[in-house]
Amino acid sequence: NGFFVERDAADIASKLTRLRENPALRARLGCAARNDIEAWDWRHQASHYATMFRSALKPQDAID
């Protein structure tokens, strides 16, 4: 969903040039980033948090 870049202006410029010159690559990386971030959407994470909180709030004698 992206590039590794060095802390170097020439490397950053070369990656930006690649993106500017390749619309298909831009679209592919954009879709991949969107798919990765969707997993962290609250609609998906709420049930995980609820399970974690229920487990943390169990009385000590109820823990296996």
Protein backbone atom coordinates (compact mmCIF):
# COMPACT_ATOMS: atom_id res chain seq x y z
CA ASN A 1 0.00 0.00 0.00
CA GLY A 2 3.00 2.27 -0.28
CA PHE A 3 6.75 2.61 -0.67
CA PHE A 4 9.62 2.52 1.75
CA VAL A 5 11.49 5.77 1.31
CA GLU A 6 14.84 6.91 2.54
CA ARG A 7 15.18 10.23 4.33
CA ASP A 8 16.61 11.59 1.18
CA ALA A 9 15.08 14.15 -1.16
CA ALA A 10 16.17 12.26 -4.28
CA ASP A 11 14.54 9.02 -3.09
CA ILE A 12 11.32 10.79 -2.15
CA ALA A 13 11.29 12.59 -5.50
CA SER A 14 11.80 9.33 -7.39
CA LYS A 15 8.87 7.67 -5.59
CA LEU A 16 6.62 10.65 -6.24
CA THR A 17 7.64 10.65 -9.89
CA ARG A 18 6.77 6.96 -10.12
CA LEU A 19 3.33 7.66 -8.71
CA ARG A 20 2.78 10.64 -11.00
CA GLU A 21 3.74 8.65 -14.08
CA ASN A 22 1.81 5.47 -13.26
CA PRO A 23 -1.93 5.94 -12.61
CA ALA A 24 -2.49 2.17 -12.36
CA LEU A 25 0.10 1.93 -9.59
CA ARG A 26 -1.50 4.87 -7.78
CA ALA A 27 -4.89 3.20 -7.98
CA ARG A 28 -3.55 -0.18 -6.83
CA LEU A 29 -1.71 1.32 -3.85
CA GLY A 30 -4.75 3.44 -2.98
CA CYS A 31 -7.07 0.42 -3.00
CA ALA A 32 -4.63 -1.60 -0.91
CA ALA A 33 -4.36 1.21 1.65
CA ARG A 34 -8.13 1.50 1.81
CA ASN A 35 -8.51 -2.25 2.34
CA ASP A 36 -5.89 -2.25 5.10
CA ILE A 37 -7.49 0.63 6.97
CA GLU A 38 -11.01 -0.82 6.67
CA ALA A 39 -10.02 -3.53 9.16
CA TRP A 40 -9.54 -0.79 11.76
CA ASP A 41 -12.94 0.80 11.18
CA TRP A 42 -14.98 1.11 14.36
CA ARG A 43 -17.72 -1.08 12.88
CA HIS A 44 -15.23 -3.95 12.83
CA GLN A 45 -13.33 -3.14 16.01
CA ALA A 46 -16.28 -2.55 18.37
CA SER A 47 -16.89 -6.24 18.99
CA HIS A 48 -13.20 -6.81 19.72
CA TYR A 49 -13.21 -4.00 22.27
CA ALA A 50 -16.41 -5.30 23.86
CA THR A 51 -14.85 -8.75 24.28
CA MET A 52 -11.68 -7.26 25.75
CA PHE A 53 -13.61 -5.10 28.23
CA ARG A 54 -15.87 -7.99 29.28
CA SER A 55 -12.81 -10.13 29.93
CA ALA A 56 -11.04 -7.36 31.88
CA LEU A 57 -14.11 -6.64 33.99
CA LYS A 58 -14.81 -10.26 35.01
CA PRO A 59 -14.61 -10.82 38.75
CA GLN A 60 -11.35 -12.51 39.72
CA ASP A 61 -13.11 -15.69 40.92
CA ALA A 62 -14.78 -16.05 37.50
CA ILE A 63 -11.47 -16.15 35.62
CA ASP A 64 -10.41 -19.65 34.58
